[in-house]
């Protein structure tokens, strides 16, 4: 690199860092995990970022980051400041998107969380749909059975079965997934077919995690089958793992109709107590409380609503 090129490069770096506010520098470091990584992502140098964060700490008279060579993490006050600052900036971005409008303006990154089975079945098609409308949008799908902290994981939206109790979050119902009680012909031949709700007491269930054994089975006519009558010797936290167990005769499952519709049509499984349909799952989109929901999040939620509405057509 010539001296002239070096001077030009330094000028570009200085211009890049000068355009970043003290607050933005802090956000970038927290989200990247270190000054070095944040600087690489921004195309600048870590010392400039460090000076900006130091100036912010001096202005606030609070230590925001615990610095180390490999990683910089927010202090307790730094974490509080990060959450509030991220919320304010997100609301500003959402307001600007609302004013400009149009899916063509949707860009950036969208981080989404859901359970594995729901994500594969409904969110993957929604991602394909939104990217056909907004090709400049990047989507990251995080799948797992736990309920993530949206702020700490920097998530835009999570999809859950039922609203959360966390008052700092908003929950919008986006659809309902019909459920069904099913068992294989082999199981019913061995154990008998339940003719009424109370007959379920003498049967085995294949459960979606052991937590399902603590939930009453609700029927659309208002009746309940107490969880105390649910007996099981096998459970799994994956619908894909449960399905072959049910088809193989391990027991009755109380799960989503979409998973078993092909098997119901082919006779691999049988719907139990069809005269007493069970209550479906309510699906909620959960996001951080804000007056202005970002357009990318609103548009993605609308795509998921379309995917779920097809179940009831």
Protein backbone atom coordinates (compact mmCIF):
# COMPACT_ATOMS: atom_id res chain seq x y z
CA UNK A 1 0.00 0.00 0.00
CA UNK A 2 1.40 3.40 -1.00
CA UNK A 3 1.50 6.35 1.37
CA UNK A 4 -1.32 7.97 -0.59
CA UNK A 5 -3.43 4.80 -0.37
CA UNK A 6 -2.75 4.56 3.37
CA UNK A 7 -3.87 8.15 3.91
CA UNK A 8 -7.02 7.49 1.86
CA UNK A 9 -7.78 4.32 3.84
CA UNK A 10 -7.30 6.17 7.13
CA UNK A 11 -9.62 8.93 5.93
CA UNK A 12 -12.33 6.38 5.01
CA UNK A 13 -12.04 4.70 8.42
CA UNK A 14 -12.20 8.03 10.26
CA UNK A 15 -15.28 9.05 8.26
CA UNK A 16 -16.96 5.72 9.01
CA UNK A 17 -16.40 5.96 12.74
CA UNK A 18 -17.35 9.64 12.86
CA UNK A 19 -20.79 8.76 11.49
CA UNK A 20 -21.39 6.35 14.39
CA UNK A 21 -22.81 7.97 17.52
CA UNK A 22 -21.57 7.11 21.00
CA UNK A 23 -24.77 5.18 21.62
CA UNK A 24 -24.52 3.22 18.36
CA UNK A 25 -20.91 2.32 19.13
CA UNK A 26 -22.00 0.89 22.48
CA UNK A 27 -24.83 -1.11 20.88
CA UNK A 28 -22.52 -2.56 18.23
CA UNK A 29 -19.97 -3.69 20.83
CA UNK A 30 -22.59 -5.34 23.05
CA UNK A 31 -24.22 -7.17 20.14
CA UNK A 32 -20.91 -8.24 18.58
CA UNK A 33 -19.45 -9.34 21.92
CA UNK A 34 -16.13 -7.52 21.58
CA UNK A 35 -14.58 -4.30 20.29
CA UNK A 36 -12.53 -6.24 17.75
CA UNK A 37 -15.50 -8.07 16.23
CA UNK A 38 -17.65 -4.92 16.21
CA UNK A 39 -14.88 -3.01 14.46
CA UNK A 40 -14.54 -5.73 11.82
CA UNK A 41 -18.28 -5.64 11.12
CA UNK A 42 -18.23 -1.85 10.84
CA UNK A 43 -15.05 -1.66 8.80
CA UNK A 44 -13.29 0.51 11.36
CA UNK A 45 -10.72 0.06 14.14
CA UNK A 46 -11.37 -1.09 17.69
CA UNK A 47 -9.49 1.78 19.32
CA UNK A 48 -11.92 4.31 17.80
CA UNK A 49 -14.89 2.34 19.10
CA UNK A 50 -13.24 2.09 22.50
CA UNK A 51 -12.82 5.85 22.67
CA UNK A 52 -16.47 6.39 21.79
CA UNK A 53 -17.69 3.99 24.49
CA UNK A 54 -15.30 5.59 27.00
CA UNK A 55 -16.74 9.01 26.11
CA UNK A 56 -20.27 7.65 26.63
CA UNK A 57 -19.28 6.22 30.04
CA UNK A 58 -17.72 9.56 30.98
CA UNK A 59 -20.88 11.42 29.98
CA UNK A 60 -23.12 9.06 31.94
CA UNK A 61 -20.58 8.63 34.77
CA UNK A 62 -21.32 4.91 34.73
CA UNK A 63 -19.18 1.92 33.75
CA UNK A 64 -21.09 0.21 30.94
CA UNK A 65 -18.71 -2.57 29.83
CA UNK A 66 -16.37 -5.06 31.45
CA UNK A 67 -13.51 -5.16 28.96
CA UNK A 68 -11.18 -8.07 28.24
CA UNK A 69 -8.99 -9.07 25.32
CA UNK A 70 -11.40 -11.67 24.00
CA UNK A 71 -14.79 -10.33 25.06
CA UNK A 72 -16.54 -7.26 26.42
CA UNK A 73 -19.78 -7.77 28.33
CA UNK A 74 -22.14 -5.16 29.77
CA UNK A 75 -22.17 -4.46 33.48
CA UNK A 76 -25.49 -4.61 35.32
CA UNK A 77 -26.06 -0.91 34.56
CA UNK A 78 -24.76 -1.46 31.05
CA UNK A 79 -27.33 -4.19 30.44
CA UNK A 80 -30.12 -1.92 31.66
CA UNK A 81 -28.89 0.89 29.43
CA UNK A 82 -28.56 -1.48 26.46
CA UNK A 83 -32.14 -2.75 26.76
CA UNK A 84 -33.61 0.73 27.01
CA UNK A 85 -31.43 2.11 24.21
CA UNK A 86 -32.18 -0.81 21.89
CA UNK A 87 -35.90 -0.33 22.47
CA UNK A 88 -35.70 3.40 21.67
CA UNK A 89 -33.74 2.84 18.46
CA UNK A 90 -36.08 0.02 17.38
CA UNK A 91 -39.07 2.30 17.89
CA UNK A 92 -37.40 5.05 15.88
CA UNK A 93 -36.70 2.63 13.03
CA UNK A 94 -40.25 1.31 13.13
CA UNK A 95 -41.68 4.83 13.01
CA UNK A 96 -39.52 5.73 10.01
CA UNK A 97 -40.59 2.51 8.24
CA UNK A 98 -44.23 3.31 8.92
CA UNK A 99 -43.80 6.75 7.32
CA UNK A 100 -41.92 5.51 4.25
CA UNK A 101 -44.13 2.40 3.87
CA UNK A 102 -44.08 -0.31 1.19
CA UNK A 103 -42.52 -3.78 1.28
CA UNK A 104 -39.82 -2.58 -1.11
CA UNK A 105 -38.36 -0.56 1.80
CA UNK A 106 -38.15 -3.63 4.08
CA UNK A 107 -34.51 -4.57 4.57
CA UNK A 108 -32.01 -5.40 7.27
CA UNK A 109 -32.11 -8.52 9.44
CA UNK A 110 -35.08 -10.26 11.06
CA UNK A 111 -34.41 -12.70 13.93
CA UNK A 112 -37.23 -15.16 14.62
CA UNK A 113 -37.64 -17.86 17.27
CA UNK A 114 -40.01 -20.86 17.48
CA UNK A 115 -40.16 -24.53 18.39
CA UNK A 116 -38.54 -26.86 15.87
CA UNK A 117 -41.73 -28.50 14.59
CA UNK A 118 -43.74 -25.30 14.28
CA UNK A 119 -40.82 -23.49 12.67
CA UNK A 120 -40.21 -26.16 10.04
CA UNK A 121 -43.89 -26.48 9.15
CA UNK A 122 -45.06 -22.87 9.17
CA UNK A 123 -42.17 -20.42 9.45
CA UNK A 124 -40.00 -21.77 6.63
CA UNK A 125 -42.81 -21.19 4.09
CA UNK A 126 -43.42 -17.75 5.63
CA UNK A 127 -39.72 -16.91 5.19
CA UNK A 128 -39.90 -17.91 1.53
CA UNK A 129 -43.01 -15.76 1.14
CA UNK A 130 -41.60 -12.62 2.78
CA UNK A 131 -38.31 -12.83 0.89
CA UNK A 132 -40.20 -12.97 -2.40
CA UNK A 133 -41.84 -9.68 -1.36
CA UNK A 134 -38.78 -8.11 0.30
CA UNK A 135 -35.64 -9.60 -1.30
CA UNK A 136 -33.33 -7.26 0.64
CA UNK A 137 -34.47 -8.69 3.98
CA UNK A 138 -32.20 -11.21 5.73
CA UNK A 139 -33.93 -13.69 8.05
CA UNK A 140 -32.36 -15.77 10.84
CA UNK A 141 -34.57 -18.56 12.21
CA UNK A 142 -33.68 -19.88 15.67
CA UNK A 143 -35.44 -23.11 16.59
CA UNK A 144 -35.71 -24.62 20.06
CA UNK A 145 -38.18 -25.67 22.74
CA UNK A 146 -37.24 -23.02 25.30
CA UNK A 147 -38.72 -19.54 25.58
CA UNK A 148 -35.94 -17.13 24.69
CA UNK A 149 -35.46 -13.73 26.26
CA UNK A 150 -36.25 -11.54 23.26
CA UNK A 151 -34.14 -8.57 24.35
CA UNK A 152 -31.09 -10.54 25.42
CA UNK A 153 -31.13 -12.61 22.23
CA UNK A 154 -31.95 -9.55 20.11
CA UNK A 155 -35.02 -11.31 18.70
CA UNK A 156 -37.61 -9.44 16.68
CA UNK A 157 -40.43 -11.94 17.19
CA UNK A 158 -41.04 -15.36 18.75
CA UNK A 159 -43.94 -17.74 18.13
CA UNK A 160 -45.34 -19.54 21.15
CA UNK A 161 -48.27 -21.70 22.17
CA UNK A 162 -50.15 -19.24 24.34
CA UNK A 163 -49.24 -15.71 25.48
CA UNK A 164 -46.39 -15.11 27.92
CA UNK A 165 -46.84 -13.67 31.39
CA UNK A 166 -43.93 -11.23 30.87
CA UNK A 167 -45.56 -7.79 30.97
CA UNK A 168 -42.70 -6.23 28.97
CA UNK A 169 -43.80 -8.17 25.89
CA UNK A 170 -46.73 -7.90 23.51
CA UNK A 171 -48.51 -11.03 22.28
CA UNK A 172 -50.75 -11.11 19.21
CA UNK A 173 -52.80 -14.21 18.45
CA UNK A 174 -51.99 -15.21 14.89
CA UNK A 175 -53.97 -18.40 14.49
CA UNK A 176 -55.29 -21.63 15.87
CA UNK A 177 -54.03 -25.14 15.12
CA UNK A 178 -56.70 -27.87 15.33
CA UNK A 179 -55.80 -30.83 17.52
CA UNK A 180 -56.90 -34.41 17.45
CA UNK A 181 -56.72 -37.57 19.58
CA UNK A 182 -55.20 -40.38 17.51
CA UNK A 183 -53.99 -43.94 17.91
CA UNK A 184 -52.96 -46.73 15.56
CA UNK A 185 -55.26 -49.64 14.65
CA UNK A 186 -52.70 -52.01 16.22
CA UNK A 187 -52.87 -50.17 19.55
CA UNK A 188 -56.67 -50.10 19.52
CA UNK A 189 -56.82 -53.81 18.72
CA UNK A 190 -54.57 -54.50 21.69
CA UNK A 191 -56.04 -52.03 24.21
CA UNK A 192 -59.57 -51.42 22.94
CA UNK A 193 -61.16 -48.29 21.48
CA UNK A 194 -62.33 -45.60 23.94
CA UNK A 195 -66.05 -44.96 23.49
CA UNK A 196 -66.37 -42.02 25.87
CA UNK A 197 -64.05 -39.48 27.45
CA UNK A 198 -63.81 -41.35 30.76
CA UNK A 199 -62.50 -44.44 28.89
CA UNK A 200 -59.21 -42.55 28.34
CA UNK A 201 -58.27 -43.39 31.95
CA UNK A 202 -57.46 -46.97 30.94
CA UNK A 203 -55.15 -46.02 28.06
CA UNK A 204 -51.52 -45.06 27.53
CA UNK A 205 -50.49 -41.75 26.02
CA UNK A 206 -47.47 -40.71 23.99
CA UNK A 207 -46.67 -37.26 25.33
CA UNK A 208 -45.07 -34.15 23.89
CA UNK A 209 -42.67 -33.74 26.82
CA UNK A 210 -43.61 -34.70 30.35
CA UNK A 211 -45.17 -31.27 30.87
CA UNK A 212 -48.14 -32.41 28.77
CA UNK A 213 -48.97 -34.86 31.56
CA UNK A 214 -49.78 -31.83 33.75
CA UNK A 215 -52.33 -30.36 31.33
CA UNK A 216 -56.02 -31.28 31.21
CA UNK A 217 -57.38 -32.30 27.82
CA UNK A 218 -60.01 -29.70 26.89
CA UNK A 219 -62.91 -30.52 24.57
CA UNK A 220 -64.82 -28.01 22.48
CA UNK A 221 -68.06 -28.82 24.32
CA UNK A 222 -66.47 -27.54 27.55
CA UNK A 223 -65.67 -30.91 29.07
CA UNK A 224 -62.25 -31.67 30.52
CA UNK A 225 -60.30 -34.88 30.94
CA UNK A 226 -58.16 -34.37 34.03
CA UNK A 227 -54.40 -34.65 33.63
CA UNK A 228 -54.49 -36.96 36.66
CA UNK A 229 -56.02 -39.59 34.37
CA UNK A 230 -53.21 -39.35 31.80
CA UNK A 231 -50.85 -42.34 31.96
CA UNK A 232 -47.73 -42.60 29.86
CA UNK A 233 -44.47 -44.54 29.60
CA UNK A 234 -42.95 -42.56 26.69
CA UNK A 235 -42.50 -38.86 25.94
CA UNK A 236 -40.52 -36.80 23.42
CA UNK A 237 -40.11 -33.08 22.77
CA UNK A 238 -40.31 -33.57 19.01
CA UNK A 239 -43.46 -34.17 17.00
CA UNK A 240 -41.40 -35.91 14.33
CA UNK A 241 -40.22 -38.41 16.97
CA UNK A 242 -43.72 -38.89 18.39
CA UNK A 243 -45.42 -39.69 15.07
CA UNK A 244 -43.66 -43.04 14.39
CA UNK A 245 -44.22 -44.04 18.03
CA UNK A 246 -47.96 -43.46 17.63
CA UNK A 247 -48.11 -45.24 14.27
CA UNK A 248 -46.15 -48.11 15.81
CA UNK A 249 -48.74 -48.61 18.53
CA UNK A 250 -47.11 -46.98 21.57
CA UNK A 251 -50.28 -45.17 22.63
CA UNK A 252 -52.70 -42.30 22.10
CA UNK A 253 -51.40 -38.87 21.15
CA UNK A 254 -53.10 -35.53 21.62
CA UNK A 255 -51.50 -33.39 18.94
CA UNK A 256 -51.90 -31.21 15.83
CA UNK A 257 -54.20 -32.50 13.13
CA UNK A 258 -51.86 -31.33 10.36
CA UNK A 259 -49.22 -33.80 11.52
CA UNK A 260 -51.57 -36.78 11.17
CA UNK A 261 -53.88 -35.77 8.33
CA UNK A 262 -52.14 -38.01 5.75
CA UNK A 263 -52.11 -40.89 8.25
CA UNK A 264 -55.79 -40.38 9.03
CA UNK A 265 -56.60 -40.48 5.32
CA UNK A 266 -54.50 -43.63 4.78
CA UNK A 267 -55.71 -45.44 7.91
CA UNK A 268 -52.30 -45.47 9.64
CA UNK A 269 -54.03 -43.84 12.61
CA UNK A 270 -57.62 -43.44 13.75
CA UNK A 271 -59.27 -40.33 15.19
CA UNK A 272 -60.66 -41.06 18.65
CA UNK A 273 -63.89 -39.62 20.03
CA UNK A 274 -64.63 -37.59 16.87
CA UNK A 275 -67.99 -36.59 18.36
CA UNK A 276 -66.00 -34.77 21.08
CA UNK A 277 -63.37 -32.68 19.21
CA UNK A 278 -60.55 -31.33 21.35
CA UNK A 279 -59.65 -27.65 21.65
CA UNK A 280 -56.84 -26.51 19.35
CA UNK A 281 -53.57 -24.68 20.02
CA UNK A 282 -53.65 -20.90 20.10
CA UNK A 283 -50.51 -19.51 18.45
CA UNK A 284 -49.15 -16.13 19.50
CA UNK A 285 -46.53 -13.86 17.99
CA UNK A 286 -44.56 -12.38 20.88
CA UNK A 287 -42.45 -9.24 20.54
CA UNK A 288 -41.04 -6.48 22.72
CA UNK A 289 -43.54 -3.83 23.72
CA UNK A 290 -43.39 -0.78 21.46
CA UNK A 291 -45.76 1.78 19.98
CA UNK A 292 -44.47 1.17 16.46
CA UNK A 293 -43.97 -2.42 15.34
CA UNK A 294 -41.21 -2.56 12.68
CA UNK A 295 -42.55 -3.14 9.21
CA UNK A 296 -40.34 -6.20 8.68
CA UNK A 297 -41.85 -7.81 11.81
CA UNK A 298 -45.41 -6.83 10.91
CA UNK A 299 -45.00 -8.15 7.37
CA UNK A 300 -43.54 -11.46 8.58
CA UNK A 301 -46.34 -11.96 11.11
CA UNK A 302 -48.86 -11.38 8.32
CA UNK A 303 -47.12 -14.11 6.26
CA UNK A 304 -47.40 -16.54 9.20
CA UNK A 305 -51.08 -15.68 9.59
CA UNK A 306 -51.60 -16.67 5.94
CA UNK A 307 -49.83 -20.00 6.49
CA UNK A 308 -51.95 -20.79 9.55
CA UNK A 309 -55.24 -19.68 7.98
CA UNK A 310 -54.82 -22.37 5.32
CA UNK A 311 -55.36 -24.99 8.06
CA UNK A 312 -58.93 -23.81 8.58
CA UNK A 313 -59.88 -23.33 4.91
